[in-house]
Protein backbone atom coordinates (compact mmCIF):
# COMPACT_ATOMS: atom_id res chain seq x y z
CA MET A 1 -29.97 1.71 10.03
CA LYS A 2 -31.84 -0.70 7.71
CA ALA A 3 -30.23 -3.68 6.18
CA ILE A 4 -31.21 -6.85 4.07
CA VAL A 5 -30.13 -9.76 6.01
CA LYS A 6 -30.18 -13.77 5.54
CA LYS A 7 -31.66 -14.57 9.06
CA GLU A 8 -32.67 -18.24 8.55
CA PRO A 9 -31.51 -21.14 6.56
CA GLN A 10 -34.30 -20.89 4.08
CA LYS A 11 -35.47 -18.94 0.83
CA GLY A 12 -35.67 -15.16 1.23
CA PHE A 13 -34.08 -12.38 2.99
CA SER A 14 -35.36 -10.14 5.95
CA LEU A 15 -35.44 -6.13 5.98
CA VAL A 16 -34.29 -5.41 9.54
CA GLU A 17 -33.12 -2.58 11.84
CA ILE A 18 -29.82 -2.89 13.18
CA LYS A 19 -27.07 -0.73 14.78
CA GLU A 20 -25.03 1.30 12.41
CA PRO A 21 -21.44 -0.28 12.16
CA ILE A 22 -18.64 1.66 13.85
CA ILE A 23 -14.88 1.98 13.04
CA ASN A 24 -12.89 -0.50 15.24
CA SER A 25 -9.43 -0.22 13.41
CA PRO A 26 -7.30 2.64 12.23
CA HIS A 27 -7.57 1.27 8.72
CA ASP A 28 -11.27 1.13 8.84
CA VAL A 29 -13.51 3.45 6.46
CA LYS A 30 -17.30 3.91 7.22
CA ILE A 31 -19.23 4.38 3.99
CA LYS A 32 -22.76 5.51 3.34
CA VAL A 33 -24.01 3.22 0.76
CA LEU A 34 -25.72 4.87 -2.24
CA LYS A 35 -26.22 1.85 -4.60
CA ALA A 36 -25.66 -1.74 -4.65
CA SER A 37 -26.11 -4.36 -7.50
CA ILE A 38 -27.35 -7.98 -7.30
CA CYS A 39 -24.95 -10.69 -8.08
CA GLY A 40 -25.63 -14.29 -8.82
CA THR A 41 -23.92 -15.33 -5.64
CA ASP A 42 -26.51 -13.23 -4.02
CA VAL A 43 -29.35 -15.04 -5.80
CA HIS A 44 -27.85 -18.57 -4.80
CA ILE A 45 -28.15 -17.10 -0.94
CA TYR A 46 -31.54 -15.75 -1.47
CA LYS A 47 -32.65 -19.03 -2.91
CA TRP A 48 -30.82 -21.02 -0.39
CA ASP A 49 -29.69 -23.60 -2.82
CA ASP A 50 -27.05 -26.38 -2.18
CA TRP A 51 -24.12 -23.91 -2.90
CA ALA A 52 -25.28 -21.45 -0.26
CA LYS A 53 -26.11 -24.37 2.24
CA ASN A 54 -22.56 -25.73 1.97
CA ARG A 55 -20.87 -22.31 1.69
CA ILE A 56 -22.42 -19.85 4.21
CA LYS A 57 -21.34 -20.71 7.71
CA LYS A 58 -22.71 -17.94 9.70
CA LEU A 59 -26.45 -16.76 10.21
CA PRO A 60 -27.71 -14.06 10.40
CA GLN A 61 -25.49 -11.92 7.91
CA ILE A 62 -25.92 -9.00 5.74
CA ASP A 63 -25.80 -9.94 2.05
CA GLY A 64 -24.50 -8.22 -0.85
CA HIS A 65 -21.05 -7.30 -2.06
CA GLU A 66 -21.42 -4.96 -5.16
CA PHE A 67 -21.65 -1.25 -4.14
CA VAL A 68 -20.80 2.50 -4.61
CA GLY A 69 -20.79 4.88 -1.66
CA ARG A 70 -19.74 7.94 -0.06
CA VAL A 71 -16.97 8.05 2.84
CA ILE A 72 -18.24 9.49 5.97
CA GLU A 73 -15.56 8.52 8.43
CA THR A 74 -11.91 7.04 8.48
CA GLY A 75 -9.84 5.49 10.93
CA SER A 76 -6.61 7.20 11.80
CA GLU A 77 -4.16 5.41 9.52
CA VAL A 78 -6.25 5.63 6.31
CA LYS A 79 -4.36 7.66 3.65
CA ASN A 80 -5.96 6.48 0.29
CA VAL A 81 -9.70 7.94 0.73
CA LYS A 82 -11.22 10.77 2.94
CA PRO A 83 -14.60 11.91 3.87
CA ASN A 84 -16.89 12.68 0.92
CA ASP A 85 -14.91 10.49 -1.36
CA LEU A 86 -16.86 8.50 -3.80
CA VAL A 87 -15.68 4.94 -3.43
CA VAL A 88 -15.93 1.31 -4.75
CA GLY A 89 -14.55 -1.69 -3.25
CA ASP A 90 -13.52 -5.13 -3.85
CA SER A 91 -15.52 -7.89 -2.46
CA HIS A 92 -12.42 -10.07 -1.89
CA ILE A 93 -10.89 -9.06 1.58
CA PRO A 94 -7.28 -10.10 1.61
CA CYS A 95 -4.93 -10.20 4.78
CA GLY A 96 -2.16 -8.16 2.92
CA TYR A 97 0.56 -10.54 4.51
CA CYS A 98 0.61 -14.09 3.06
CA TYR A 99 2.70 -15.23 0.16
CA HIS A 100 0.00 -14.65 -2.34
CA CYS A 101 -0.72 -11.00 -1.22
CA ARG A 102 2.79 -10.14 -1.01
CA ASN A 103 3.38 -11.58 -4.66
CA GLY A 104 0.69 -9.24 -6.17
CA ASN A 105 -2.10 -11.83 -6.10
CA MET A 106 -4.35 -10.45 -3.34
CA HIS A 107 -7.46 -11.65 -5.07
CA VAL A 108 -6.55 -15.52 -4.19
CA CYS A 109 -5.14 -14.42 -0.70
CA GLN A 110 -4.73 -17.62 1.69
CA ASN A 111 -6.80 -15.92 4.24
CA LEU A 112 -9.33 -14.54 2.00
CA GLN A 113 -12.84 -13.33 3.05
CA ILE A 114 -15.76 -12.29 0.78
CA LEU A 115 -18.20 -9.80 1.53
CA GLY A 116 -21.55 -11.03 2.11
CA VAL A 117 -20.34 -14.79 2.26
CA ASP A 118 -17.75 -14.88 4.90
CA ARG A 119 -18.64 -11.58 6.84
CA ASP A 120 -21.39 -8.92 6.54
CA GLY A 121 -21.81 -7.55 3.24
CA VAL A 122 -23.19 -4.33 1.89
CA PHE A 123 -26.69 -4.38 1.37
CA SER A 124 -27.30 -1.77 4.23
CA GLU A 125 -27.56 2.18 4.54
CA TYR A 126 -23.87 2.02 6.10
CA THR A 127 -20.89 -0.19 5.96
CA VAL A 128 -17.34 -0.38 7.38
CA LEU A 129 -14.63 -1.87 5.33
CA PRO A 130 -10.80 -1.84 5.47
CA ASP A 131 -9.17 0.80 3.25
CA LYS A 132 -7.15 -1.75 1.46
CA VAL A 133 -10.18 -2.81 -0.78
CA LEU A 134 -11.46 0.63 -1.61
CA LEU A 135 -10.83 2.74 -4.73
CA LYS A 136 -11.81 6.38 -5.08
CA ILE A 137 -13.51 7.01 -8.36
CA ASP A 138 -14.43 10.10 -10.33
CA ASP A 139 -17.86 11.69 -9.44
CA SER A 140 -18.58 11.94 -13.16
CA ILE A 141 -19.16 8.12 -13.41
CA PRO A 142 -22.74 7.55 -12.88
CA LEU A 143 -23.68 5.82 -9.77
CA GLN A 144 -25.37 2.88 -11.32
CA TYR A 145 -22.59 2.11 -13.30
CA ALA A 146 -20.14 2.51 -10.38
CA SER A 147 -22.31 0.06 -8.44
CA VAL A 148 -21.38 -2.78 -11.12
CA MET A 149 -17.77 -2.18 -11.29
CA GLU A 150 -16.82 -5.37 -9.35
CA PRO A 151 -18.39 -7.67 -11.64
CA LEU A 152 -17.11 -5.38 -14.55
CA GLY A 153 -13.65 -6.35 -13.06
CA ASN A 154 -14.50 -10.25 -13.59
CA ALA A 155 -15.30 -9.35 -17.36
CA LEU A 156 -12.34 -7.09 -17.58
CA PHE A 157 -9.87 -9.96 -15.96
CA THR A 158 -11.28 -12.62 -18.30
CA THR A 159 -11.24 -10.62 -21.52
CA THR A 160 -7.94 -9.10 -21.21
CA VAL A 161 -5.98 -12.39 -20.90
CA ALA A 162 -5.50 -12.41 -24.39
CA ASP A 163 -4.52 -9.57 -27.08
CA LEU A 164 -7.98 -9.31 -28.84
CA ARG A 165 -6.86 -7.05 -31.73
CA GLY A 166 -8.11 -8.46 -34.95
CA LYS A 167 -8.90 -11.50 -33.35
CA ILE A 168 -12.29 -13.91 -33.61
CA VAL A 169 -13.85 -14.08 -29.89
CA LEU A 170 -16.36 -16.68 -28.87
CA ILE A 171 -18.20 -15.83 -25.68
CA THR A 172 -20.36 -18.60 -24.09
CA GLY A 173 -23.08 -17.28 -21.73
CA ALA A 174 -24.48 -13.59 -22.09
CA GLY A 175 -25.53 -13.03 -18.66
CA PRO A 176 -24.36 -9.76 -17.24
CA ILE A 177 -20.56 -10.48 -17.15
CA GLY A 178 -20.86 -12.12 -20.56
CA ALA A 179 -22.68 -8.99 -21.66
CA MET A 180 -19.96 -6.81 -20.27
CA ALA A 181 -17.39 -8.93 -22.04
CA ILE A 182 -19.12 -8.09 -25.38
CA GLU A 183 -18.40 -4.26 -24.87
CA ILE A 184 -14.86 -5.09 -23.68
CA ALA A 185 -13.99 -7.28 -26.66
CA LYS A 186 -15.23 -4.48 -28.94
CA ILE A 187 -13.36 -1.71 -27.50
CA SER A 188 -10.21 -4.21 -27.25
CA GLY A 189 -10.26 -4.54 -31.05
CA ALA A 190 -11.73 -7.85 -31.71
CA SER A 191 -12.69 -8.19 -35.41
CA PHE A 192 -15.57 -10.38 -34.80
CA ILE A 193 -17.44 -11.52 -31.67
CA VAL A 194 -19.61 -14.78 -31.54
CA VAL A 195 -21.98 -15.26 -28.64
CA SER A 196 -23.49 -18.69 -27.67
CA GLU A 197 -26.67 -18.20 -25.41
CA VAL A 198 -30.00 -20.23 -25.17
CA SER A 199 -32.17 -17.56 -23.28
CA GLU A 200 -34.10 -15.51 -25.81
CA TYR A 201 -33.85 -12.44 -23.66
CA ARG A 202 -30.15 -12.53 -23.29
CA ILE A 203 -29.77 -13.23 -27.09
CA LYS A 204 -31.44 -10.09 -27.74
CA MET A 205 -29.35 -8.40 -25.23
CA ALA A 206 -26.20 -9.47 -27.01
CA GLN A 207 -27.52 -8.47 -30.33
CA LYS A 208 -28.18 -4.97 -29.13
CA LEU A 209 -24.71 -4.88 -27.58
CA GLY A 210 -23.09 -5.43 -31.14
CA ALA A 211 -22.32 -9.15 -31.18
CA ASN A 212 -21.75 -10.03 -34.81
CA LEU A 213 -23.18 -13.49 -34.44
CA VAL A 214 -25.36 -15.04 -31.80
CA ILE A 215 -25.88 -18.69 -31.80
CA ASN A 216 -28.51 -20.78 -29.75
CA PRO A 217 -26.76 -23.98 -29.18
CA SER A 218 -30.05 -25.51 -28.28
CA LYS A 219 -31.10 -25.09 -31.86
CA ASN A 220 -27.78 -25.09 -33.95
CA SER A 221 -24.61 -26.76 -33.47
CA LEU A 222 -21.93 -24.25 -32.19
CA VAL A 223 -19.00 -26.05 -33.40
CA GLU A 224 -20.32 -26.53 -36.96
CA GLU A 225 -21.32 -22.75 -37.01
CA ILE A 226 -17.87 -21.72 -36.00
CA ASP A 227 -16.33 -24.13 -38.55
CA LYS A 228 -18.47 -22.47 -41.28
CA LEU A 229 -17.56 -19.01 -40.10
CA THR A 230 -13.70 -19.60 -39.88
CA ASP A 231 -13.31 -21.93 -43.01
CA GLY A 232 -12.55 -24.81 -40.55
CA LEU A 233 -9.83 -22.71 -38.67
CA GLY A 234 -11.70 -21.93 -35.37
CA VAL A 235 -11.90 -18.98 -33.16
CA ASP A 236 -8.75 -17.32 -31.71
CA VAL A 237 -10.16 -16.65 -28.15
CA PHE A 238 -12.82 -18.33 -26.24
CA LEU A 239 -14.37 -16.55 -23.10
CA GLU A 240 -16.38 -18.95 -20.83
CA MET A 241 -18.93 -17.14 -18.89
CA SER A 242 -21.69 -19.57 -18.56
CA GLY A 243 -20.59 -22.43 -16.02
CA ASN A 244 -21.95 -24.91 -18.33
CA GLU A 245 -20.25 -28.15 -19.06
CA ASN A 246 -21.44 -28.41 -22.69
CA ALA A 247 -20.65 -24.82 -23.34
CA LEU A 248 -17.17 -25.29 -22.06
CA ASN A 249 -16.40 -28.44 -24.16
CA GLU A 250 -18.07 -26.89 -27.38
CA GLY A 251 -15.85 -23.84 -26.70
CA ILE A 252 -12.55 -25.77 -26.55
CA LYS A 253 -13.78 -27.81 -29.80
CA SER A 254 -14.33 -24.22 -31.52
CA LEU A 255 -10.99 -22.97 -30.90
CA LYS A 256 -8.17 -22.99 -33.53
CA ASN A 257 -4.75 -24.74 -32.74
CA THR A 258 -2.84 -22.56 -30.12
CA GLY A 259 -5.85 -20.48 -29.19
CA VAL A 260 -6.64 -19.26 -25.80
CA ALA A 261 -9.36 -20.33 -23.52
CA SER A 262 -10.28 -17.88 -20.45
CA ILE A 263 -12.49 -19.59 -18.04
CA LEU A 264 -14.64 -17.63 -15.70
CA GLY A 265 -17.77 -19.85 -15.15
CA VAL A 266 -18.26 -21.53 -12.02
CA PHE A 267 -19.85 -25.07 -12.45
CA PRO A 268 -22.55 -26.68 -10.28
CA THR A 269 -20.55 -29.53 -9.32
CA GLU A 270 -16.56 -29.82 -8.37
CA LYS A 271 -16.02 -32.45 -11.00
CA ILE A 272 -17.14 -32.15 -14.46
CA ASN A 273 -16.32 -33.98 -17.99
CA PHE A 274 -13.64 -31.98 -19.77
CA ASP A 275 -12.30 -32.71 -23.48
CA MET A 276 -8.82 -32.72 -22.22
CA ASN A 277 -7.24 -34.63 -25.18
CA THR A 278 -8.72 -32.02 -27.65
CA ALA A 279 -7.30 -29.15 -25.40
CA VAL A 280 -3.77 -31.04 -25.47
CA PHE A 281 -3.66 -31.91 -29.13
CA LYS A 282 -4.62 -28.21 -30.13
CA ASN A 283 -1.82 -26.94 -27.83
CA LEU A 284 -4.28 -24.57 -26.06
CA THR A 285 -3.66 -21.79 -23.50
CA ILE A 286 -6.23 -22.36 -20.86
CA GLN A 287 -6.47 -19.32 -18.29
CA THR A 288 -8.97 -19.73 -15.34
CA ILE A 289 -10.21 -16.63 -13.66
CA THR A 290 -11.37 -15.62 -10.21
CA GLY A 291 -12.06 -12.31 -8.84
CA ARG A 292 -10.57 -9.21 -9.99
CA LYS A 293 -6.75 -8.26 -10.24
CA MET A 294 -6.23 -5.86 -7.23
CA PHE A 295 -6.20 -3.11 -8.46
CA GLU A 296 -5.14 -3.46 -12.10
CA THR A 297 -8.63 -4.16 -13.45
CA TRP A 298 -10.17 -1.75 -11.07
CA TYR A 299 -8.12 1.05 -12.53
CA LEU A 300 -8.74 0.15 -16.18
CA ALA A 301 -12.50 -0.03 -15.51
CA ALA A 302 -12.54 3.55 -13.70
CA SER A 303 -10.68 4.85 -16.59
CA TRP A 304 -12.86 3.47 -19.24
CA LEU A 305 -16.08 4.48 -17.41
CA LYS A 306 -14.74 7.80 -16.48
CA TYR A 307 -13.83 8.65 -20.23
CA LYS A 308 -17.10 6.99 -21.49
CA LYS A 309 -15.40 4.22 -23.68
CA LEU A 310 -17.81 1.56 -21.96
CA ASP A 311 -21.39 1.85 -22.38
CA LEU A 312 -23.22 -0.05 -19.85
CA SER A 313 -26.69 1.40 -20.49
CA LYS A 314 -28.04 -1.98 -22.07
CA ILE A 315 -26.43 -4.06 -19.37
CA VAL A 316 -27.92 -2.24 -16.37
CA THR A 317 -31.46 -2.82 -17.05
CA HIS A 318 -33.36 -2.13 -13.76
CA ASN A 319 -33.25 0.03 -10.57
CA PHE A 320 -35.35 -0.80 -7.50
CA ASP A 321 -35.59 0.78 -4.07
CA PHE A 322 -33.72 -1.48 -1.56
CA MET A 323 -37.12 -1.73 0.18
CA ASP A 324 -38.33 -3.64 -2.98
CA TYR A 325 -35.60 -6.11 -2.78
CA GLU A 326 -37.94 -9.19 -3.03
CA GLU A 327 -39.31 -8.00 -6.37
CA ALA A 328 -35.83 -7.29 -7.47
CA PHE A 329 -34.53 -10.85 -6.53
CA GLU A 330 -37.26 -12.76 -8.12
CA LEU A 331 -36.80 -10.76 -11.34
CA MET A 332 -33.03 -11.57 -11.26
CA SER A 333 -33.86 -15.15 -10.53
CA SER A 334 -36.19 -15.35 -13.66
CA GLY A 335 -33.08 -14.62 -15.99
CA MET A 336 -35.26 -11.50 -17.52
CA SER A 337 -32.88 -8.70 -16.66
CA GLY A 338 -29.44 -7.60 -16.88
CA LYS A 339 -27.72 -6.16 -13.84
CA ILE A 340 -30.17 -4.93 -11.28
CA VAL A 341 -29.34 -2.02 -9.03
CA LEU A 342 -30.90 -1.49 -5.51
CA ASN A 343 -30.92 2.15 -4.56
CA PHE A 344 -30.06 3.04 -0.86
CA SER A 345 -29.45 6.63 -1.12
CA GLN A 346 -28.71 9.21 -3.62
């Protein structure tokens, strides 16, 4: 089969011919990959930046972790899916037995492995995954939207931490997940959605998605604009999607007393400056987010997509044949796209 592989510790990937994976465990499932989308993590690995150099321990390795596929074979103990089922899967591979797994928190398993990071990913014509990470979905869900359900789960987890009914919501960062959060906030009952973003491309995307106010913090003070909007009270809920230190602190300052901050953004360094005293004296609730709730957010995403409550048509902006992966990665790296989907099969 063909696969997109990180062969060398340098920029780029290689398109190579390798053996198809086989089922080795009674709980394994072999899947024909139909579509896979590009994540920011994949871009880090493509560029081979400092994060990738410090995080990726084994080369060569197949990249990618966001996909939709068709089951073609199952191990003898698999009960949740069968051949010909359309499936998606979580990129977090939990052990299923540690303290966290047994307390409903598989997404932070003590022995966690991540697809395309700790083990071979899904940028290939076939993949084999354990049944515990797979979810059968309805065939009516468009494949390109099914392929982005993994990052959609990040957006859902972040956005649904707080009850948004009638609330003023601030989202910092309108990349693909931030853009998804706009859609989720709308259908979750937010009364007013403010987006902070510096990229003109993403500012236009946020406006098209229905954000009520988009602020470019490089041109206008986010805190001052929020102050005017709310008569000095502040926003109810702050969703941090950018991984930018200034955005985090401006968002904290923009919250009302007793407001809620939900933080998904990953920052470039382990230690950053944080306006802790403001957070303390405002009596804020701060929730950090990693991964997706397995499988609470998956079922919610599947239902909203099946019944057409979520519109991802303005967020999934480009489709490429997987043979053209270099062009796709360069476009994703430029920031001039939403989600980009690689087509492996139909």
